[in-house]
Amino acid sequence: MREIRIGPATKIDLLDPVGDDVTGRWVLPADGIAYRPKYVLFGVAATYTAQRAETTLDLSSWKR
């Protein structure tokens, strides 16, 4: 699951987002905050998307 839409009167227990490149949090585009499933705002109609994991680069081997 990578996206979920919630109506204004919805109260559900959300699952963790699933996928190799996600962090396990849901992002609310309106405020840009990534929420753990149990902290997703209820009573607010919104579409949440899975937060993608950022790729880190090891720059220690780069030469100037």
PDB file of N, CA and C in Angstrom:
ATOM      1  N   MET A   1       0.851  -1.164   0.000  1.00  0.00           N
ATOM      2  CA  MET A   1       0.000   0.000   0.000  1.00  0.00           C
ATOM      3  C   MET A   1       0.902   1.233   0.000  1.00  0.00           C
ATOM      4  N   ARG A   2       0.658   2.132  -0.932  1.00  0.00           N
ATOM      5  CA  ARG A   2       1.476   3.330  -1.039  1.00  0.00           C
ATOM      6  C   ARG A   2       0.674   4.620  -0.931  1.00  0.00           C
ATOM      7  N   GLU A   3      -0.643   4.521  -0.955  1.00  0.00           N
ATOM      8  CA  GLU A   3      -1.478   5.710  -0.835  1.00  0.00           C
ATOM      9  C   GLU A   3      -2.788   5.328  -0.176  1.00  0.00           C
ATOM     10  N   ILE A   4      -3.311   6.245   0.632  1.00  0.00           N
ATOM     11  CA  ILE A   4      -4.600   6.012   1.277  1.00  0.00           C
ATOM     12  C   ILE A   4      -5.354   7.329   1.360  1.00  0.00           C
ATOM     13  N   ARG A   5      -6.649   7.267   1.130  1.00  0.00           N
ATOM     14  CA  ARG A   5      -7.509   8.443   1.237  1.00  0.00           C
ATOM     15  C   ARG A   5      -8.449   8.252   2.413  1.00  0.00           C
ATOM     16  N   ILE A   6      -8.560   9.269   3.232  1.00  0.00           N
ATOM     17  CA  ILE A   6      -9.371   9.192   4.441  1.00  0.00           C
ATOM     18  C   ILE A   6     -10.421  10.290   4.402  1.00  0.00           C
ATOM     19  N   GLY A   7     -11.650   9.940   4.712  1.00  0.00           N
ATOM     20  CA  GLY A   7     -12.734  10.909   4.781  1.00  0.00           C
ATOM     21  C   GLY A   7     -12.749  11.609   6.132  1.00  0.00           C
ATOM     22  N   PRO A   8     -13.565  12.663   6.277  1.00  0.00           N
ATOM     23  CA  PRO A   8     -13.557  13.466   7.501  1.00  0.00           C
ATOM     24  C   PRO A   8     -14.020  12.726   8.752  1.00  0.00           C
ATOM     25  N   ALA A   9     -14.825  11.693   8.627  1.00  0.00           N
ATOM     26  CA  ALA A   9     -15.322  10.989   9.807  1.00  0.00           C
ATOM     27  C   ALA A   9     -14.696   9.611   9.952  1.00  0.00           C
ATOM     28  N   THR A  10     -13.579   9.382   9.296  1.00  0.00           N
ATOM     29  CA  THR A  10     -12.954   8.067   9.289  1.00  0.00           C
ATOM     30  C   THR A  10     -12.026   7.887  10.480  1.00  0.00           C
ATOM     31  N   LYS A  11     -12.152   6.772  11.136  1.00  0.00           N
ATOM     32  CA  LYS A  11     -11.204   6.395  12.186  1.00  0.00           C
ATOM     33  C   LYS A  11     -10.856   4.935  11.956  1.00  0.00           C
ATOM     34  N   ILE A  12      -9.631   4.701  11.508  1.00  0.00           N
ATOM     35  CA  ILE A  12      -9.190   3.343  11.212  1.00  0.00           C
ATOM     36  C   ILE A  12      -7.773   3.157  11.731  1.00  0.00           C
ATOM     37  N   ASP A  13      -7.368   1.923  11.869  1.00  0.00           N
ATOM     38  CA  ASP A  13      -5.980   1.609  12.181  1.00  0.00           C
ATOM     39  C   ASP A  13      -5.254   1.399  10.863  1.00  0.00           C
ATOM     40  N   LEU A  14      -4.352   2.290  10.544  1.00  0.00           N
ATOM     41  CA  LEU A  14      -3.621   2.183   9.287  1.00  0.00           C
ATOM     42  C   LEU A  14      -2.505   1.168   9.377  1.00  0.00           C
ATOM     43  N   LEU A  15      -2.254   0.521   8.270  1.00  0.00           N
ATOM     44  CA  LEU A  15      -1.111  -0.369   8.155  1.00  0.00           C
ATOM     45  C   LEU A  15       0.126   0.450   7.845  1.00  0.00           C
ATOM     46  N   ASP A  16       1.280  -0.128   8.049  1.00  0.00           N
ATOM     47  CA  ASP A  16       2.519   0.519   7.631  1.00  0.00           C
ATOM     48  C   ASP A  16       2.575   0.531   6.112  1.00  0.00           C
ATOM     49  N   PRO A  17       3.093   1.609   5.510  1.00  0.00           N
ATOM     50  CA  PRO A  17       3.297   1.600   4.065  1.00  0.00           C
ATOM     51  C   PRO A  17       4.279   0.484   3.704  1.00  0.00           C
ATOM     52  N   VAL A  18       4.077  -0.123   2.560  1.00  0.00           N
ATOM     53  CA  VAL A  18       4.889  -1.264   2.164  1.00  0.00           C
ATOM     54  C   VAL A  18       5.665  -0.950   0.903  1.00  0.00           C
ATOM     55  N   GLY A  19       6.905  -1.387   0.852  1.00  0.00           N
ATOM     56  CA  GLY A  19       7.742  -1.233  -0.326  1.00  0.00           C
ATOM     57  C   GLY A  19       9.202  -1.157   0.078  1.00  0.00           C
ATOM     58  N   ASP A  20      10.075  -1.432  -0.864  1.00  0.00           N
ATOM     59  CA  ASP A  20      11.510  -1.424  -0.571  1.00  0.00           C
ATOM     60  C   ASP A  20      12.052  -0.027  -0.313  1.00  0.00           C
ATOM     61  N   ASP A  21      11.389   0.986  -0.852  1.00  0.00           N
ATOM     62  CA  ASP A  21      11.945   2.333  -0.778  1.00  0.00           C
ATOM     63  C   ASP A  21      11.127   3.266   0.116  1.00  0.00           C
ATOM     64  N   VAL A  22      10.398   2.714   1.092  1.00  0.00           N
ATOM     65  CA  VAL A  22       9.592   3.563   1.968  1.00  0.00           C
ATOM     66  C   VAL A  22      10.066   3.447   3.413  1.00  0.00           C
ATOM     67  N   THR A  23       9.724   4.451   4.225  1.00  0.00           N
ATOM     68  CA  THR A  23      10.215   4.537   5.595  1.00  0.00           C
ATOM     69  C   THR A  23       9.273   3.962   6.635  1.00  0.00           C
ATOM     70  N   GLY A  24       8.027   3.668   6.266  1.00  0.00           N
ATOM     71  CA  GLY A  24       7.061   3.190   7.241  1.00  0.00           C
ATOM     72  C   GLY A  24       6.188   4.309   7.797  1.00  0.00           C
ATOM     73  N   ARG A  25       6.264   5.480   7.194  1.00  0.00           N
ATOM     74  CA  ARG A  25       5.452   6.619   7.613  1.00  0.00           C
ATOM     75  C   ARG A  25       4.590   7.098   6.455  1.00  0.00           C
ATOM     76  N   TRP A  26       3.490   7.784   6.816  1.00  0.00           N
ATOM     77  CA  TRP A  26       2.584   8.379   5.832  1.00  0.00           C
ATOM     78  C   TRP A  26       2.789   9.886   5.830  1.00  0.00           C
ATOM     79  N   VAL A  27       2.899  10.484   4.639  1.00  0.00           N
ATOM     80  CA  VAL A  27       3.088  11.931   4.507  1.00  0.00           C
ATOM     81  C   VAL A  27       1.769  12.585   4.140  1.00  0.00           C
ATOM     82  N   LEU A  28       1.433  13.645   4.870  1.00  0.00           N
ATOM     83  CA  LEU A  28       0.270  14.474   4.553  1.00  0.00           C
ATOM     84  C   LEU A  28       0.781  15.655   3.739  1.00  0.00           C
ATOM     85  N   PRO A  29       0.477  15.711   2.437  1.00  0.00           N
ATOM     86  CA  PRO A  29       0.995  16.786   1.596  1.00  0.00           C
ATOM     87  C   PRO A  29       0.628  18.192   2.083  1.00  0.00           C
ATOM     88  N   ALA A  30      -0.497  18.351   2.757  1.00  0.00           N
ATOM     89  CA  ALA A  30      -0.928  19.671   3.208  1.00  0.00           C
ATOM     90  C   ALA A  30       0.059  20.307   4.174  1.00  0.00           C
ATOM     91  N   ASP A  31       0.701  19.490   5.039  1.00  0.00           N
ATOM     92  CA  ASP A  31       1.656  20.064   5.993  1.00  0.00           C
ATOM     93  C   ASP A  31       3.072  19.524   5.811  1.00  0.00           C
ATOM     94  N   GLY A  32       3.238  18.522   4.951  1.00  0.00           N
ATOM     95  CA  GLY A  32       4.563  17.979   4.667  1.00  0.00           C
ATOM     96  C   GLY A  32       5.139  17.116   5.780  1.00  0.00           C
ATOM     97  N   ILE A  33       4.342  16.806   6.790  1.00  0.00           N
ATOM     98  CA  ILE A  33       4.813  16.017   7.919  1.00  0.00           C
ATOM     99  C   ILE A  33       4.581  14.536   7.648  1.00  0.00           C
ATOM    100  N   ALA A  34       5.569  13.723   8.020  1.00  0.00           N
ATOM    101  CA  ALA A  34       5.454  12.269   7.895  1.00  0.00           C
ATOM    102  C   ALA A  34       5.012  11.707   9.239  1.00  0.00           C
ATOM    103  N   TYR A  35       3.896  10.993   9.239  1.00  0.00           N
ATOM    104  CA  TYR A  35       3.308  10.453  10.464  1.00  0.00           C
ATOM    105  C   TYR A  35       3.465   8.943  10.532  1.00  0.00           C
ATOM    106  N   ARG A  36       3.762   8.422  11.707  1.00  0.00           N
ATOM    107  CA  ARG A  36       3.676   6.978  11.921  1.00  0.00           C
ATOM    108  C   ARG A  36       2.209   6.611  11.818  1.00  0.00           C
ATOM    109  N   PRO A  37       1.882   5.389  11.377  1.00  0.00           N
ATOM    110  CA  PRO A  37       0.477   5.022  11.166  1.00  0.00           C
ATOM    111  C   PRO A  37      -0.436   5.310  12.353  1.00  0.00           C
ATOM    112  N   LYS A  38       0.017   5.086  13.575  1.00  0.00           N
ATOM    113  CA  LYS A  38      -0.865   5.307  14.721  1.00  0.00           C
ATOM    114  C   LYS A  38      -1.075   6.782  15.050  1.00  0.00           C
ATOM    115  N   TYR A  39      -0.304   7.683  14.431  1.00  0.00           N
ATOM    116  CA  TYR A  39      -0.440   9.113  14.694  1.00  0.00           C
ATOM    117  C   TYR A  39      -1.069   9.896  13.544  1.00  0.00           C
ATOM    118  N   VAL A  40      -1.551   9.205  12.517  1.00  0.00           N
ATOM    119  CA  VAL A  40      -2.214   9.884  11.394  1.00  0.00           C
ATOM    120  C   VAL A  40      -3.427  10.640  11.937  1.00  0.00           C
ATOM    121  N   LEU A  41      -3.622  11.862  11.454  1.00  0.00           N
ATOM    122  CA  LEU A  41      -4.708  12.709  11.936  1.00  0.00           C
ATOM    123  C   LEU A  41      -6.061  12.135  11.546  1.00  0.00           C
ATOM    124  N   PHE A  42      -6.962  12.019  12.514  1.00  0.00           N
ATOM    125  CA  PHE A  42      -8.304  11.542  12.240  1.00  0.00           C
ATOM    126  C   PHE A  42      -9.265  12.725  12.232  1.00  0.00           C
ATOM    127  N   GLY A  43     -10.372  12.570  11.531  1.00  0.00           N
ATOM    128  CA  GLY A  43     -11.331  13.651  11.419  1.00  0.00           C
ATOM    129  C   GLY A  43     -10.937  14.674  10.378  1.00  0.00           C
ATOM    130  N   VAL A  44      -9.903  14.365   9.592  1.00  0.00           N
ATOM    131  CA  VAL A  44      -9.423  15.264   8.543  1.00  0.00           C
ATOM    132  C   VAL A  44      -9.447  14.496   7.230  1.00  0.00           C
ATOM    133  N   ALA A  45     -10.184  15.004   6.259  1.00  0.00           N
ATOM    134  CA  ALA A  45     -10.198  14.362   4.943  1.00  0.00           C
ATOM    135  C   ALA A  45      -8.875  14.673   4.252  1.00  0.00           C
ATOM    136  N   ALA A  46      -8.159  13.648   3.841  1.00  0.00           N
ATOM    137  CA  ALA A  46      -6.850  13.863   3.234  1.00  0.00           C
ATOM    138  C   ALA A  46      -6.420  12.629   2.466  1.00  0.00           C
ATOM    139  N   THR A  47      -5.417  12.812   1.625  1.00  0.00           N
ATOM    140  CA  THR A  47      -4.760  11.713   0.949  1.00  0.00           C
ATOM    141  C   THR A  47      -3.328  11.660   1.460  1.00  0.00           C
ATOM    142  N   TYR A  48      -2.958  10.527   2.002  1.00  0.00           N
ATOM    143  CA  TYR A  48      -1.609  10.335   2.513  1.00  0.00           C
ATOM    144  C   TYR A  48      -0.833   9.473   1.528  1.00  0.00           C
ATOM    145  N   THR A  49       0.454   9.753   1.379  1.00  0.00           N
ATOM    146  CA  THR A  49       1.309   8.928   0.527  1.00  0.00           C
ATOM    147  C   THR A  49       2.468   8.410   1.361  1.00  0.00           C
ATOM    148  N   ALA A  50       2.989   7.268   0.965  1.00  0.00           N
ATOM    149  CA  ALA A  50       4.099   6.672   1.688  1.00  0.00           C
ATOM    150  C   ALA A  50       5.334   7.557   1.559  1.00  0.00           C
ATOM    151  N   GLN A  51       6.025   7.754   2.683  1.00  0.00           N
ATOM    152  CA  GLN A  51       7.263   8.528   2.653  1.00  0.00           C
ATOM    153  C   GLN A  51       8.349   7.655   2.041  1.00  0.00           C
ATOM    154  N   ARG A  52       9.043   8.212   1.086  1.00  0.00           N
ATOM    155  CA  ARG A  52      10.108   7.464   0.423  1.00  0.00           C
ATOM    156  C   ARG A  52      11.400   7.612   1.203  1.00  0.00           C
ATOM    157  N   ALA A  53      12.150   6.526   1.263  1.00  0.00           N
ATOM    158  CA  ALA A  53      13.454   6.545   1.924  1.00  0.00           C
ATOM    159  C   ALA A  53      14.433   7.327   1.059  1.00  0.00           C
ATOM    160  N   GLU A  54      15.243   8.129   1.710  1.00  0.00           N
ATOM    161  CA  GLU A  54      16.247   8.889   0.971  1.00  0.00           C
ATOM    162  C   GLU A  54      17.497   8.044   0.812  1.00  0.00           C
ATOM    163  N   THR A  55      18.129   8.202  -0.319  1.00  0.00           N
ATOM    164  CA  THR A  55      19.375   7.505  -0.567  1.00  0.00           C
ATOM    165  C   THR A  55      20.518   8.370  -0.066  1.00  0.00           C
ATOM    166  N   THR A  56      21.425   7.771   0.702  1.00  0.00           N
ATOM    167  CA  THR A  56      22.572   8.528   1.186  1.00  0.00           C
ATOM    168  C   THR A  56      23.777   8.217   0.315  1.00  0.00           C
ATOM    169  N   LEU A  57      24.584   9.210   0.105  1.00  0.00           N
ATOM    170  CA  LEU A  57      25.786   9.049  -0.694  1.00  0.00           C
ATOM    171  C   LEU A  57      26.997   9.103   0.219  1.00  0.00           C
ATOM    172  N   ASP A  58      27.945   8.200   0.000  1.00  0.00           N
ATOM    173  CA  ASP A  58      29.196   8.224   0.740  1.00  0.00           C
ATOM    174  C   ASP A  58      30.183   9.046  -0.070  1.00  0.00           C
ATOM    175  N   LEU A  59      30.437  10.257   0.365  1.00  0.00           N
ATOM    176  CA  LEU A  59      31.315  11.165  -0.359  1.00  0.00           C
ATOM    177  C   LEU A  59      32.754  11.098   0.148  1.00  0.00           C
ATOM    178  N   SER A  60      33.032  10.233   1.104  1.00  0.00           N
ATOM    179  CA  SER A  60      34.373  10.195   1.695  1.00  0.00           C
ATOM    180  C   SER A  60      35.449   9.755   0.700  1.00  0.00           C
ATOM    181  N   SER A  61      35.060   9.036  -0.348  1.00  0.00           N
ATOM    182  CA  SER A  61      36.054   8.575  -1.307  1.00  0.00           C
ATOM    183  C   SER A  61      36.244   9.548  -2.485  1.00  0.00           C
ATOM    184  N   TRP A  62      35.459  10.612  -2.526  1.00  0.00           N
ATOM    185  CA  TRP A  62      35.584  11.585  -3.615  1.00  0.00           C
ATOM    186  C   TRP A  62      36.837  12.423  -3.429  1.00  0.00           C
ATOM    187  N   LYS A  63      37.458  12.752  -4.545  1.00  0.00           N
ATOM    188  CA  LYS A  63      38.637  13.614  -4.512  1.00  0.00           C
ATOM    189  C   LYS A  63      38.257  14.980  -5.061  1.00  0.00           C
ATOM    190  N   ARG A  64      38.830  15.999  -4.501  1.00  0.00           N
ATOM    191  CA  ARG A  64      38.568  17.372  -4.979  1.00  0.00           C
ATOM    192  C   ARG A  64      39.440  17.691  -6.148  1.00  0.00           C
TER     193      ARG A  64
END
